[in-house]
Amino acid sequence: MATPAPHDEQARFDAVIAADEKIEPRDWMPEKYRRNLVRQISQHAHSEVVGQLPEGNWITRAPSLRRKAILLAKVQDEAGHGLYLYSAAETLGTSREEMLDDLLEGRAKYASIFNYPTLSWADVGAIGWLVDGAAIVNQISLCRTSYGPYARAMVRICKEESFHQRQGYEIMQTLAQGSPEQQAMAQDALDRWWWPTLMMFGPHDADSAHTQQSMQWKIKRQSNDELRQKFVDQTVEQAARIGLTIPDPELRWNEARGHYDFGEIDWDEFQRVLGGNGPCNRSRMRDRRRAHEDGAWVREAMLAHAEKHNRRAAGAAA
């Protein structure tokens, strides 16, 4: 059978995208599509792994055994999410070693939100409610992304993130209904995490380097600004329900638009944190590098075990 000409492959790819079907690992794809996916999926995986650090710091300090168990399960989930996503990226021809090297050597980015400190127990609640809530808004649309392995990984991740969001909201609700000191703690956490959470969705659509092309390829199904607006609309109501106040004096319902208007994000801060100059950028990468180095013996032992197993299998087959 003759090899299809490149224009035939491109036409087949375009037809699959237009039909809302999935591109699979063995399918032909434009190199720019592949590179765009590797960038997005690997950054997503890095964010899950680095995202363990702010909350992992609170496992031993959680206020009860129940809270410890729940938080430990959540941090373990985040490690699993990183595994799913690295595996999905590997189907595109990259290796986990390459992706991790890019992260540890500062060539790859991860979500800027994880470069902020967790100063109190309420921050664990704020991360679950706000950060994981924002992640769900973004990731639900990724369940319909055009690349099959990524879409399938997102289905399970979204189910687990939904648990994380409810866990965080329950912490904030408990604090908001507690003593004056606990109420102040919850409000302080909301005040500090609100704006960095809005930054998670990325720059305005007009300023985003990747949004337009990603939407044409249906890697992304909704734009940064659309997702951010959806998050604001649902979260304002959640805050009001437990008696907390969104820290935005410009926040108000716009009847004509059917959405909440909100203030302008400090994009200088966003760029500063993204560029490596946030409150915790250096400590996050230091801790990640140390964890990678400390785990070297485990990786070496697994490789040695796999080689021994393969030798035995080859000997039995001989």
Protein backbone atom coordinates (compact mmCIF):
# COMPACT_ATOMS: atom_id res chain seq x y z
CA MET A 1 0.00 0.00 0.00
CA ALA A 2 1.40 3.39 -0.99
CA THR A 3 2.31 5.86 1.72
CA PRO A 4 -0.21 8.73 1.71
CA ALA A 5 1.15 12.06 0.53
CA PRO A 6 1.64 14.69 3.28
CA HIS A 7 -1.34 16.73 2.09
CA ASP A 8 -3.54 13.62 2.42
CA GLU A 9 -2.35 13.17 6.01
CA GLN A 10 -3.06 16.82 6.79
CA ALA A 11 -6.53 16.53 5.26
CA ARG A 12 -7.26 13.43 7.36
CA PHE A 13 -6.02 15.20 10.52
CA ASP A 14 -8.17 18.27 9.76
CA ALA A 15 -11.21 16.05 9.16
CA VAL A 16 -10.79 14.30 12.52
CA ILE A 17 -10.52 17.65 14.33
CA ALA A 18 -13.55 19.05 12.48
CA ALA A 19 -15.61 15.95 13.35
CA ASP A 20 -14.79 16.31 17.08
CA GLU A 21 -13.08 12.93 17.06
CA LYS A 22 -9.82 12.02 18.79
CA ILE A 23 -6.28 12.06 17.50
CA GLU A 24 -4.48 8.96 18.81
CA PRO A 25 -0.73 8.38 19.34
CA ARG A 26 -0.20 6.41 16.11
CA ASP A 27 -2.11 8.93 13.98
CA TRP A 28 -0.25 11.42 11.84
CA MET A 29 -0.24 14.90 13.37
CA PRO A 30 1.44 18.22 12.53
CA GLU A 31 4.70 18.70 14.39
CA LYS A 32 3.44 21.99 15.85
CA TYR A 33 0.38 20.17 17.23
CA ARG A 34 2.64 17.57 18.85
CA ARG A 35 4.94 20.21 20.36
CA ASN A 36 1.99 22.24 21.63
CA LEU A 37 0.60 19.15 23.39
CA VAL A 38 3.96 18.19 24.90
CA ARG A 39 4.31 21.73 26.28
CA GLN A 40 0.79 21.85 27.73
CA ILE A 41 0.61 18.30 29.12
CA SER A 42 4.09 18.38 30.63
CA GLN A 43 3.42 21.76 32.29
CA HIS A 44 0.18 20.33 33.61
CA ALA A 45 2.06 17.32 35.00
CA HIS A 46 4.73 19.54 36.57
CA SER A 47 1.98 21.59 38.23
CA GLU A 48 0.47 18.48 39.80
CA VAL A 49 3.84 17.38 41.18
CA VAL A 50 4.97 20.78 42.46
CA GLY A 51 1.44 21.34 43.76
CA GLN A 52 2.02 18.65 46.39
CA LEU A 53 4.54 20.88 48.19
CA PRO A 54 2.36 23.68 49.64
CA GLU A 55 -0.13 21.24 51.19
CA GLY A 56 2.34 18.50 52.03
CA ASN A 57 3.84 21.01 54.44
CA TRP A 58 0.61 20.77 56.51
CA ILE A 59 0.12 16.99 56.73
CA THR A 60 1.81 16.70 60.13
CA ARG A 61 0.19 19.92 61.38
CA ALA A 62 -3.42 19.26 60.38
CA PRO A 63 -5.77 19.86 63.34
CA SER A 64 -7.14 16.30 63.63
CA LEU A 65 -6.46 12.74 62.55
CA ARG A 66 -9.37 12.96 60.11
CA ARG A 67 -7.90 16.07 58.51
CA LYS A 68 -4.47 14.43 58.28
CA ALA A 69 -5.89 11.36 56.54
CA ILE A 70 -7.87 13.43 54.05
CA LEU A 71 -4.95 15.72 53.25
CA LEU A 72 -2.57 12.78 52.86
CA ALA A 73 -4.99 11.15 50.41
CA LYS A 74 -5.23 14.39 48.46
CA VAL A 75 -1.46 14.80 48.16
CA GLN A 76 -1.22 11.19 46.98
CA ASP A 77 -3.89 11.95 44.37
CA GLU A 78 -1.80 14.83 43.03
CA ALA A 79 1.18 12.48 42.58
CA GLY A 80 -1.11 10.14 40.66
CA HIS A 81 -2.32 12.97 38.44
CA GLY A 82 1.27 13.77 37.56
CA LEU A 83 1.81 10.11 36.66
CA TYR A 84 -1.24 10.02 34.35
CA LEU A 85 -0.14 13.20 32.61
CA TYR A 86 3.53 12.28 32.18
CA SER A 87 2.33 8.97 30.71
CA ALA A 88 0.03 10.82 28.30
CA ALA A 89 2.89 13.09 27.20
CA GLU A 90 5.16 10.08 26.64
CA THR A 91 2.77 8.84 23.94
CA LEU A 92 3.86 11.90 21.94
CA GLY A 93 7.45 10.70 21.69
CA THR A 94 9.01 12.54 24.60
CA SER A 95 10.40 10.84 27.71
CA ARG A 96 9.71 11.40 31.37
CA GLU A 97 13.42 12.01 31.91
CA GLU A 98 13.39 14.83 29.35
CA MET A 99 10.35 16.43 30.93
CA LEU A 100 11.75 16.21 34.45
CA ASP A 101 15.10 17.60 33.31
CA ASP A 102 13.28 20.56 31.76
CA LEU A 103 11.49 21.19 35.06
CA LEU A 104 14.50 20.77 37.34
CA GLU A 105 16.76 22.87 35.10
CA GLY A 106 14.24 25.70 34.85
CA ARG A 107 13.30 25.33 31.17
CA ALA A 108 9.70 24.27 31.84
CA LYS A 109 6.97 26.15 33.65
CA TYR A 110 4.31 25.04 36.11
CA ALA A 111 1.24 26.83 37.51
CA SER A 112 2.34 30.10 39.11
CA ILE A 113 -0.17 29.60 41.96
CA PHE A 114 2.12 27.09 43.67
CA ASN A 115 4.76 29.75 44.29
CA TYR A 116 2.74 31.28 47.13
CA PRO A 117 3.21 30.23 50.78
CA THR A 118 0.69 28.39 52.96
CA LEU A 119 0.74 30.48 56.12
CA SER A 120 -2.16 28.92 58.05
CA TRP A 121 -4.42 25.88 58.08
CA ALA A 122 -7.04 27.98 56.28
CA ASP A 123 -4.69 28.13 53.28
CA VAL A 124 -5.18 24.38 52.82
CA GLY A 125 -8.90 25.05 52.60
CA ALA A 126 -8.40 27.96 50.22
CA ILE A 127 -6.23 25.85 47.92
CA GLY A 128 -8.83 23.10 47.82
CA TRP A 129 -11.76 25.43 47.30
CA LEU A 130 -10.20 28.05 45.00
CA VAL A 131 -7.17 26.48 43.31
CA ASP A 132 -8.71 23.06 42.75
CA GLY A 133 -12.01 24.73 41.92
CA ALA A 134 -10.27 26.74 39.20
CA ALA A 135 -8.51 23.59 38.01
CA ILE A 136 -11.86 21.81 37.65
CA VAL A 137 -13.30 24.66 35.57
CA ASN A 138 -10.34 24.40 33.22
CA GLN A 139 -10.03 20.62 33.22
CA ILE A 140 -13.66 19.74 32.58
CA SER A 141 -13.28 21.27 29.14
CA LEU A 142 -10.05 19.27 28.68
CA CYS A 143 -12.06 16.05 28.98
CA ARG A 144 -13.13 16.94 25.41
CA THR A 145 -9.66 17.86 24.16
CA SER A 146 -8.75 16.53 20.74
CA TYR A 147 -5.87 14.29 21.85
CA GLY A 148 -7.23 10.97 23.09
CA PRO A 149 -4.76 10.03 25.87
CA TYR A 150 -4.97 13.52 27.38
CA ALA A 151 -8.77 13.54 27.29
CA ARG A 152 -9.01 10.11 28.93
CA ALA A 153 -6.55 11.04 31.68
CA MET A 154 -8.60 14.14 32.44
CA VAL A 155 -11.79 12.17 33.11
CA ARG A 156 -10.31 10.47 36.16
CA ILE A 157 -8.40 13.57 37.27
CA CYS A 158 -11.57 15.67 37.24
CA LYS A 159 -13.41 13.17 39.43
CA GLU A 160 -10.64 13.33 42.02
CA GLU A 161 -10.29 17.12 41.79
CA SER A 162 -14.00 17.39 42.55
CA PHE A 163 -13.34 15.63 45.85
CA HIS A 164 -10.46 18.02 46.54
CA GLN A 165 -12.63 21.06 45.89
CA ARG A 166 -15.35 19.84 48.25
CA GLN A 167 -12.78 19.05 50.93
CA GLY A 168 -11.34 22.58 50.72
CA TYR A 169 -14.74 24.23 50.76
CA GLU A 170 -15.73 22.19 53.82
CA ILE A 171 -12.61 23.42 55.65
CA MET A 172 -13.44 27.03 54.81
CA GLN A 173 -17.09 26.58 55.80
CA THR A 174 -16.08 25.09 59.17
CA LEU A 175 -13.72 27.98 59.86
CA ALA A 176 -16.22 30.60 58.69
CA GLN A 177 -18.79 29.23 61.13
CA GLY A 178 -16.29 29.00 63.99
CA SER A 179 -14.81 31.50 66.43
CA PRO A 180 -14.01 35.08 65.43
CA GLU A 181 -10.35 34.08 65.14
CA GLN A 182 -11.23 31.19 62.82
CA GLN A 183 -13.48 33.42 60.73
CA ALA A 184 -10.65 35.94 60.38
CA MET A 185 -8.27 33.14 59.38
CA ALA A 186 -10.64 32.00 56.61
CA GLN A 187 -11.16 35.53 55.30
CA ASP A 188 -7.41 36.21 55.36
CA ALA A 189 -6.75 33.07 53.29
CA LEU A 190 -9.41 34.09 50.77
CA ASP A 191 -7.92 37.59 50.57
CA ARG A 192 -4.46 36.22 49.76
CA TRP A 193 -5.42 33.43 47.35
CA TRP A 194 -8.19 35.09 45.32
CA TRP A 195 -6.11 37.08 42.85
CA PRO A 196 -3.37 34.46 42.30
CA THR A 197 -6.17 31.98 41.57
CA LEU A 198 -7.58 34.23 38.85
CA MET A 199 -4.10 34.40 37.35
CA MET A 200 -4.12 30.59 36.99
CA PHE A 201 -6.23 30.85 33.85
CA GLY A 202 -3.42 32.68 32.08
CA PRO A 203 -3.21 36.02 30.27
CA HIS A 204 -6.15 37.71 28.58
CA ASP A 205 -6.99 35.99 25.31
CA ALA A 206 -5.54 38.85 23.26
CA ASP A 207 -2.19 38.47 25.07
CA SER A 208 -1.97 34.66 25.08
CA ALA A 209 0.66 33.16 22.78
CA HIS A 210 -1.02 29.75 22.49
CA THR A 211 -4.78 30.12 23.03
CA GLN A 212 -5.89 30.82 19.45
CA GLN A 213 -3.99 27.95 17.88
CA SER A 214 -4.90 25.55 20.70
CA MET A 215 -8.57 26.34 20.20
CA GLN A 216 -8.33 25.83 16.44
CA TRP A 217 -6.90 22.38 17.08
CA LYS A 218 -9.49 21.82 19.85
CA ILE A 219 -6.77 21.13 22.39
CA LYS A 220 -8.48 23.86 24.40
CA ARG A 221 -12.25 24.14 24.14
CA GLN A 222 -12.71 27.45 25.96
CA SER A 223 -10.52 30.53 26.14
CA ASN A 224 -8.70 31.85 29.22
CA ASP A 225 -11.14 34.70 29.73
CA GLU A 226 -14.21 32.48 29.31
CA LEU A 227 -12.92 30.03 31.90
CA ARG A 228 -11.96 32.80 34.33
CA GLN A 229 -15.43 34.34 34.07
CA LYS A 230 -17.09 30.98 34.71
CA PHE A 231 -14.96 30.49 37.83
CA VAL A 232 -15.78 33.97 39.19
CA ASP A 233 -19.52 33.52 38.61
CA GLN A 234 -19.70 30.25 40.53
CA THR A 235 -17.28 31.17 43.32
CA VAL A 236 -18.89 34.47 44.31
CA GLU A 237 -22.06 32.59 45.17
CA GLN A 238 -20.13 29.96 47.14
CA ALA A 239 -18.35 32.63 49.21
CA ALA A 240 -21.63 34.39 50.03
CA ARG A 241 -23.15 31.11 51.18
CA ILE A 242 -20.57 30.72 53.98
CA GLY A 243 -20.31 34.40 54.87
CA LEU A 244 -16.96 35.26 53.28
CA THR A 245 -16.27 38.35 51.16
CA ILE A 246 -14.46 38.31 47.83
CA PRO A 247 -11.60 40.87 48.12
CA ASP A 248 -12.56 42.94 45.08
CA PRO A 249 -14.27 46.34 45.51
CA GLU A 250 -15.15 46.36 41.80
CA LEU A 251 -17.04 43.06 41.95
CA ARG A 252 -20.68 43.49 40.99
CA TRP A 253 -23.40 41.67 39.05
CA ASN A 254 -23.88 42.91 35.48
CA GLU A 255 -27.48 42.28 34.52
CA ALA A 256 -26.90 43.08 30.85
CA ARG A 257 -24.05 40.56 30.53
CA GLY A 258 -25.50 38.00 32.90
CA HIS A 259 -22.11 37.74 34.62
CA TYR A 260 -20.14 39.32 37.43
CA ASP A 261 -17.83 42.20 36.56
CA PHE A 262 -14.57 42.12 38.49
CA GLY A 263 -11.42 44.17 38.91
CA GLU A 264 -8.26 44.04 36.82
CA ILE A 265 -5.63 41.46 37.68
CA ASP A 266 -2.11 42.62 38.56
CA TRP A 267 -0.41 41.21 35.48
CA ASP A 268 2.96 42.58 36.57
CA GLU A 269 2.78 40.28 39.59
CA PHE A 270 1.78 37.39 37.34
CA GLN A 271 4.80 37.92 35.09
CA ARG A 272 7.09 38.37 38.08
CA VAL A 273 6.02 35.06 39.64
CA LEU A 274 6.02 33.26 36.28
CA GLY A 275 9.54 34.56 35.69
CA GLY A 276 10.82 32.94 38.88
CA ASN A 277 10.57 35.85 41.31
CA GLY A 278 7.53 34.89 43.38
CA PRO A 279 7.53 34.34 47.14
CA CYS A 280 8.37 30.62 46.91
CA ASN A 281 9.79 29.94 43.43
CA ARG A 282 13.28 29.14 44.65
CA SER A 283 12.21 27.05 47.62
CA ARG A 284 9.76 25.05 45.51
CA MET A 285 12.44 24.13 42.98
CA ARG A 286 15.00 23.46 45.71
CA ASP A 287 12.58 21.04 47.40
CA ARG A 288 11.69 19.41 44.09
CA ARG A 289 15.35 18.89 43.15
CA ARG A 290 16.10 17.45 46.58
CA ALA A 291 13.16 15.03 46.34
CA HIS A 292 14.36 13.93 42.89
CA GLU A 293 17.88 13.33 44.19
CA ASP A 294 16.63 11.52 47.30
CA GLY A 295 14.55 9.21 45.10
CA ALA A 296 17.44 8.21 42.84
CA TRP A 297 18.05 4.94 44.72
CA VAL A 298 14.42 3.91 44.22
CA ARG A 299 14.63 4.48 40.46
CA GLU A 300 17.93 2.58 40.30
CA ALA A 301 16.47 -0.34 42.29
CA MET A 302 13.44 -0.52 40.02
CA LEU A 303 15.64 -0.58 36.91
CA ALA A 304 17.83 -3.30 38.42
CA HIS A 305 14.76 -5.36 39.29
CA ALA A 306 13.35 -4.94 35.77
CA GLU A 307 16.66 -6.00 34.20
CA LYS A 308 16.84 -9.07 36.45
CA HIS A 309 13.26 -10.00 35.55
CA ASN A 310 14.01 -9.62 31.84
CA ARG A 311 17.12 -11.80 32.07
CA ARG A 312 15.15 -14.53 33.82
CA ALA A 313 12.39 -14.32 31.24
CA ALA A 314 14.91 -14.52 28.40
CA GLY A 315 16.61 -17.52 30.05
CA ALA A 316 13.30 -19.35 30.47
CA ALA A 317 12.41 -18.74 26.83
CA ALA A 318 15.76 -19.97 25.51
